[in-house]
Amino acid sequence: MATEGEPTDLVKVLHLLVLSFTWGMQVWVSFIGGFALVRQVTLHTFGLVQSKLFPVYFYCLLGSNFVSLAVFAVYHPRELLEWHESLQLLLFFVALILAGLNAQWFGPAATEVMFQMRAVEEEHGLGNQIGLSSQREAYAKLKEQDPKYKAYRSSFGRYHGLSSLCNLIGFLCTTTNLVFTALNLSTI
């Protein structure tokens, strides 16, 4: 229970609201919104929506993780930290770094490659179907026949995978911090 001055009730509420907002946004964007949308629109429309949504999402994560880290660090001086508070501070920092990587590097790179893939797919009449599995064979055939498309798919897979990994680790950091905060509400 390290404190160098007690936070006001407003600061406590702000900290909890920002942390809850971050967690809720991560749950919705990562696990619910995409699965609901991919079944309702064409693959290219889905990619376009994600290209507009993800930058906002990553920068919101970046901002909210920064606020959470700042508020926590101000009221928990390093010299007075208990083990779980040190862990929380580390998790806030990791979540901030990962959101920054997604906002500045992995997200834009995946989007750029996605638009390059989309151009090739449109040349071959693909991408206007709803859902992912309706023309798997046609995508596999295009990948075999077009080395440029194969390279785009490989790059997209790499950037999308790294972005997803950063997002998942960030979600686990936020979830852990939310659990620690809930278990220590009196010491926010």
Protein backbone atom coordinates (compact mmCIF):
# COMPACT_ATOMS: atom_id res chain seq x y z
CA MET A 1 0.00 0.00 0.00
CA ALA A 2 2.53 2.54 -1.18
CA THR A 3 1.36 6.12 -1.37
CA GLU A 4 3.10 9.44 -1.26
CA GLY A 5 -0.07 11.41 -0.73
CA GLU A 6 -3.57 10.16 -0.98
CA PRO A 7 -5.32 10.41 -4.33
CA THR A 8 -8.60 12.27 -4.29
CA ASP A 9 -11.83 10.43 -4.95
CA LEU A 10 -11.92 12.03 -8.40
CA VAL A 11 -8.48 10.62 -9.25
CA LYS A 12 -9.52 7.18 -8.00
CA VAL A 13 -12.67 7.25 -10.12
CA LEU A 14 -10.74 8.51 -13.17
CA HIS A 15 -8.17 5.74 -12.79
CA LEU A 16 -10.84 3.06 -12.51
CA LEU A 17 -12.89 4.46 -15.41
CA VAL A 18 -9.88 4.66 -17.72
CA LEU A 19 -8.81 1.14 -16.83
CA SER A 20 -12.35 -0.18 -17.32
CA PHE A 21 -12.70 1.69 -20.62
CA THR A 22 -9.44 0.17 -21.85
CA TRP A 23 -10.45 -3.35 -20.90
CA GLY A 24 -13.94 -3.05 -22.37
CA MET A 25 -12.62 -1.60 -25.62
CA GLN A 26 -10.10 -4.42 -25.91
CA VAL A 27 -12.76 -7.08 -25.31
CA TRP A 28 -15.11 -5.57 -27.88
CA VAL A 29 -12.60 -4.89 -30.65
CA SER A 30 -10.53 -8.04 -30.13
CA PHE A 31 -13.17 -10.67 -29.48
CA ILE A 32 -16.66 -9.50 -30.40
CA GLY A 33 -16.83 -6.77 -33.05
CA GLY A 34 -14.70 -8.44 -35.69
CA PHE A 35 -16.41 -11.82 -35.43
CA ALA A 36 -19.82 -10.19 -35.74
CA LEU A 37 -18.81 -8.00 -38.68
CA VAL A 38 -16.94 -10.60 -40.75
CA ARG A 39 -20.15 -12.63 -41.09
CA GLN A 40 -22.17 -9.65 -42.34
CA VAL A 41 -20.05 -7.84 -44.93
CA THR A 42 -17.71 -8.66 -47.81
CA LEU A 43 -14.08 -9.39 -47.08
CA HIS A 44 -12.93 -6.12 -48.68
CA THR A 45 -15.51 -4.10 -46.73
CA PHE A 46 -14.31 -5.81 -43.55
CA GLY A 47 -10.72 -4.81 -44.37
CA LEU A 48 -11.76 -1.23 -45.07
CA VAL A 49 -13.64 -1.00 -41.76
CA GLN A 50 -10.64 -2.37 -39.89
CA SER A 51 -8.30 0.06 -41.67
CA LYS A 52 -10.39 2.94 -40.29
CA LEU A 53 -11.16 1.44 -36.87
CA PHE A 54 -7.75 0.12 -35.83
CA PRO A 55 -5.79 3.40 -35.86
CA VAL A 56 -8.42 4.96 -33.58
CA TYR A 57 -8.44 1.85 -31.40
CA PHE A 58 -4.64 1.71 -31.08
CA TYR A 59 -4.33 5.41 -30.27
CA CYS A 60 -7.15 5.18 -27.70
CA LEU A 61 -5.27 2.26 -26.12
CA LEU A 62 -2.06 4.25 -26.20
CA GLY A 63 -3.70 7.25 -24.51
CA SER A 64 -5.61 5.29 -21.90
CA ASN A 65 -2.57 3.14 -21.05
CA PHE A 66 -0.52 6.31 -20.66
CA VAL A 67 -3.12 7.85 -18.31
CA SER A 68 -3.32 4.63 -16.27
CA LEU A 69 0.46 4.39 -16.00
CA ALA A 70 0.81 8.06 -15.08
CA VAL A 71 -1.88 8.00 -12.39
CA PHE A 72 -0.54 4.77 -10.93
CA ALA A 73 3.08 5.99 -10.94
CA VAL A 74 2.23 9.32 -9.28
CA TYR A 75 0.54 7.66 -6.32
CA HIS A 76 2.88 4.67 -6.04
CA PRO A 77 6.50 5.88 -5.67
CA ARG A 78 9.05 3.29 -6.73
CA GLU A 79 10.77 3.21 -3.35
CA LEU A 80 7.58 2.20 -1.51
CA LEU A 81 6.23 -0.44 -3.91
CA GLU A 82 5.12 -3.87 -2.82
CA TRP A 83 5.67 -6.81 -5.22
CA HIS A 84 2.19 -6.67 -6.75
CA GLU A 85 2.44 -2.90 -7.25
CA SER A 86 5.79 -3.34 -9.00
CA LEU A 87 4.17 -5.95 -11.21
CA GLN A 88 1.26 -3.59 -11.95
CA LEU A 89 3.64 -0.79 -12.87
CA LEU A 90 5.51 -3.14 -15.21
CA LEU A 91 2.24 -4.35 -16.78
CA PHE A 92 1.03 -0.77 -17.36
CA PHE A 93 4.37 -0.01 -19.03
CA VAL A 94 4.29 -3.16 -21.20
CA ALA A 95 0.71 -2.41 -22.30
CA LEU A 96 1.76 1.15 -23.21
CA ILE A 97 4.75 -0.04 -25.27
CA LEU A 98 2.70 -2.69 -27.09
CA ALA A 99 -0.09 -0.21 -27.92
CA GLY A 100 2.56 2.16 -29.24
CA LEU A 101 4.07 -0.58 -31.44
CA ASN A 102 0.63 -1.34 -32.84
CA ALA A 103 -0.25 2.32 -33.39
CA GLN A 104 3.03 3.29 -35.03
CA TRP A 105 4.29 0.18 -36.75
CA PHE A 106 2.36 -3.10 -36.93
CA GLY A 107 -1.10 -1.64 -37.56
CA PRO A 108 -0.09 0.72 -40.40
CA ALA A 109 2.16 -1.93 -41.98
CA ALA A 110 -0.60 -4.57 -41.94
CA THR A 111 -3.07 -2.07 -43.41
CA GLU A 112 -0.69 -1.08 -46.21
CA VAL A 113 -0.07 -4.70 -47.20
CA MET A 114 -3.80 -5.47 -46.91
CA PHE A 115 -4.57 -2.80 -49.52
CA GLN A 116 -1.87 -4.24 -51.81
CA MET A 117 -3.43 -7.71 -51.44
CA ARG A 118 -6.86 -6.24 -52.06
CA ALA A 119 -5.75 -4.75 -55.40
CA VAL A 120 -4.51 -8.15 -56.61
CA GLU A 121 -7.67 -9.87 -55.34
CA GLU A 122 -9.88 -7.37 -57.17
CA GLU A 123 -7.99 -8.09 -60.42
CA HIS A 124 -9.00 -11.74 -60.00
CA GLY A 125 -12.61 -11.11 -58.92
CA LEU A 126 -12.07 -12.00 -55.26
CA GLY A 127 -13.02 -10.19 -52.08
CA ASN A 128 -16.66 -9.43 -52.80
CA GLN A 129 -18.03 -12.46 -51.00
CA ILE A 130 -19.36 -12.44 -47.46
CA GLY A 131 -17.40 -14.44 -44.92
CA LEU A 132 -13.95 -15.95 -45.01
CA SER A 133 -14.55 -19.52 -46.14
CA SER A 134 -16.74 -19.09 -49.21
CA GLN A 135 -13.86 -19.04 -51.72
CA ARG A 136 -10.87 -20.50 -49.87
CA GLU A 137 -9.83 -22.56 -52.88
CA ALA A 138 -9.74 -19.48 -55.14
CA TYR A 139 -7.49 -17.63 -52.66
CA ALA A 140 -5.19 -20.67 -52.37
CA LYS A 141 -5.00 -20.94 -56.15
CA LEU A 142 -4.19 -17.23 -56.50
CA LYS A 143 -1.47 -17.62 -53.88
CA GLU A 144 0.07 -20.50 -55.85
CA GLN A 145 -0.12 -18.71 -59.21
CA ASP A 146 0.94 -15.17 -58.27
CA PRO A 147 4.29 -14.80 -56.44
CA LYS A 148 3.56 -11.12 -55.71
CA TYR A 149 0.30 -12.07 -54.00
CA LYS A 150 2.06 -14.86 -52.10
CA ALA A 151 4.62 -12.33 -50.81
CA TYR A 152 1.83 -9.93 -49.80
CA ARG A 153 0.01 -12.71 -47.93
CA SER A 154 3.22 -13.65 -46.14
CA SER A 155 3.93 -10.03 -45.13
CA PHE A 156 0.33 -9.50 -44.09
CA GLY A 157 0.37 -12.67 -42.00
CA ARG A 158 3.56 -11.57 -40.27
CA TYR A 159 2.36 -8.03 -39.47
CA HIS A 160 -1.15 -9.16 -38.54
CA GLY A 161 0.26 -11.90 -36.32
CA LEU A 162 2.63 -9.53 -34.52
CA SER A 163 -0.16 -6.97 -34.11
CA SER A 164 -2.51 -9.63 -32.74
CA LEU A 165 0.17 -10.90 -30.35
CA CYS A 166 0.83 -7.36 -29.07
CA ASN A 167 -2.91 -6.82 -28.69
CA LEU A 168 -3.38 -10.10 -26.80
CA ILE A 169 -0.46 -9.45 -24.44
CA GLY A 170 -1.74 -5.90 -23.88
CA PHE A 171 -5.18 -7.32 -23.09
CA LEU A 172 -3.66 -9.75 -20.57
CA CYS A 173 -1.73 -6.86 -18.96
CA THR A 174 -4.90 -4.77 -18.68
CA THR A 175 -6.90 -7.72 -17.33
CA THR A 176 -4.25 -8.44 -14.69
CA ASN A 177 -4.13 -4.78 -13.69
CA LEU A 178 -7.91 -4.65 -13.47
CA VAL A 179 -7.90 -7.73 -11.21
CA PHE A 180 -5.19 -6.25 -8.95
CA THR A 181 -7.08 -2.95 -8.84
CA ALA A 182 -10.32 -4.71 -7.94
CA LEU A 183 -8.61 -6.67 -5.17
CA ASN A 184 -7.04 -3.48 -3.76
CA LEU A 185 -9.76 -0.89 -4.31
CA SER A 186 -8.95 0.98 -1.14
CA THR A 187 -5.37 1.64 -2.32
CA ILE A 188 -6.01 2.90 -5.85
